[in-house]
Amino acid sequence: MERSKIVAVVTGAISILLAIAYLILVQLLDYRDMKPAPISQLSLQQVVVATYSHKDENLL
């Protein structure tokens, strides 16, 4: 085999291994159970912004 063909095969193999490793990593991260933060850990400012409505504009 010529040197350029060997380099191409090795590069392709490395690329395929990286792609498989990436897919496994994504699956592992996606498999985790993501739970929302408890309400007690939200700051007061976040709660106020979440409850603001257009009816309150006259109060400002």
C-alpha atoms as a PDB file:
ATOM      1  CA  MET A   1       0.000   0.000   0.000  1.00  0.00           C
ATOM      2  CA  GLU A   2       1.189   3.509  -0.665  1.00  0.00           C
ATOM      3  CA  ARG A   3       1.913   5.795   2.246  1.00  0.00           C
ATOM      4  CA  SER A   4      -0.974   8.166   1.366  1.00  0.00           C
ATOM      5  CA  LYS A   5      -3.471   5.289   1.380  1.00  0.00           C
ATOM      6  CA  ILE A   6      -2.259   4.133   4.801  1.00  0.00           C
ATOM      7  CA  VAL A   7      -2.611   7.665   6.162  1.00  0.00           C
ATOM      8  CA  ALA A   8      -6.135   7.888   4.718  1.00  0.00           C
ATOM      9  CA  VAL A   9      -7.188   4.562   6.268  1.00  0.00           C
ATOM     10  CA  VAL A  10      -5.728   5.464   9.675  1.00  0.00           C
ATOM     11  CA  THR A  11      -7.348   8.904   9.583  1.00  0.00           C
ATOM     12  CA  GLY A  12     -10.693   7.374   8.640  1.00  0.00           C
ATOM     13  CA  ALA A  13     -10.456   4.827  11.448  1.00  0.00           C
ATOM     14  CA  ILE A  14      -9.662   7.549  13.986  1.00  0.00           C
ATOM     15  CA  SER A  15     -12.602   9.592  12.698  1.00  0.00           C
ATOM     16  CA  ILE A  16     -14.985   6.657  13.059  1.00  0.00           C
ATOM     17  CA  LEU A  17     -13.720   5.924  16.594  1.00  0.00           C
ATOM     18  CA  LEU A  18     -14.199   9.566  17.605  1.00  0.00           C
ATOM     19  CA  ALA A  19     -17.722   9.574  16.164  1.00  0.00           C
ATOM     20  CA  ILE A  20     -18.660   6.404  18.064  1.00  0.00           C
ATOM     21  CA  ALA A  21     -17.150   7.797  21.288  1.00  0.00           C
ATOM     22  CA  TYR A  22     -19.142  11.005  20.809  1.00  0.00           C
ATOM     23  CA  LEU A  23     -22.391   9.108  20.273  1.00  0.00           C
ATOM     24  CA  ILE A  24     -21.773   7.015  23.407  1.00  0.00           C
ATOM     25  CA  LEU A  25     -21.030  10.160  25.428  1.00  0.00           C
ATOM     26  CA  VAL A  26     -24.207  11.863  24.212  1.00  0.00           C
ATOM     27  CA  GLN A  27     -26.276   8.787  25.069  1.00  0.00           C
ATOM     28  CA  LEU A  28     -24.791   8.628  28.571  1.00  0.00           C
ATOM     29  CA  LEU A  29     -25.462  12.314  29.206  1.00  0.00           C
ATOM     30  CA  ASP A  30     -28.995  12.016  27.816  1.00  0.00           C
ATOM     31  CA  TYR A  31     -29.685   8.969  29.998  1.00  0.00           C
ATOM     32  CA  ARG A  32     -29.287  10.969  33.233  1.00  0.00           C
ATOM     33  CA  ASP A  33     -32.444  11.968  35.083  1.00  0.00           C
ATOM     34  CA  MET A  34     -32.660  15.725  35.049  1.00  0.00           C
ATOM     35  CA  LYS A  35     -34.792  17.037  37.895  1.00  0.00           C
ATOM     36  CA  PRO A  36     -35.811  20.701  38.101  1.00  0.00           C
ATOM     37  CA  ALA A  37     -34.457  22.827  40.932  1.00  0.00           C
ATOM     38  CA  PRO A  38     -36.685  23.075  44.003  1.00  0.00           C
ATOM     39  CA  ILE A  39     -38.734  26.256  44.324  1.00  0.00           C
ATOM     40  CA  SER A  40     -36.884  27.102  47.550  1.00  0.00           C
ATOM     41  CA  GLN A  41     -33.647  27.567  45.583  1.00  0.00           C
ATOM     42  CA  LEU A  42     -35.076  30.164  43.217  1.00  0.00           C
ATOM     43  CA  SER A  43     -34.191  33.748  44.089  1.00  0.00           C
ATOM     44  CA  LEU A  44     -36.918  36.263  44.890  1.00  0.00           C
ATOM     45  CA  GLN A  45     -36.203  38.190  41.705  1.00  0.00           C
ATOM     46  CA  GLN A  46     -36.877  35.130  39.543  1.00  0.00           C
ATOM     47  CA  VAL A  47     -40.191  34.502  41.276  1.00  0.00           C
ATOM     48  CA  VAL A  48     -41.259  38.155  40.859  1.00  0.00           C
ATOM     49  CA  VAL A  49     -40.394  38.165  37.156  1.00  0.00           C
ATOM     50  CA  ALA A  50     -42.252  34.892  36.680  1.00  0.00           C
ATOM     51  CA  THR A  51     -45.436  36.295  38.273  1.00  0.00           C
ATOM     52  CA  TYR A  52     -45.401  39.738  36.591  1.00  0.00           C
ATOM     53  CA  SER A  53     -48.392  40.417  34.355  1.00  0.00           C
ATOM     54  CA  HIS A  54     -49.676  43.278  32.189  1.00  0.00           C
ATOM     55  CA  LYS A  55     -52.391  44.075  34.756  1.00  0.00           C
ATOM     56  CA  ASP A  56     -49.649  45.290  37.121  1.00  0.00           C
ATOM     57  CA  GLU A  57     -48.337  47.967  34.710  1.00  0.00           C
ATOM     58  CA  ASN A  58     -50.550  50.661  36.236  1.00  0.00           C
ATOM     59  CA  LEU A  59     -48.943  50.050  39.625  1.00  0.00           C
ATOM     60  CA  LEU A  60     -45.476  51.058  38.368  1.00  0.00           C
END
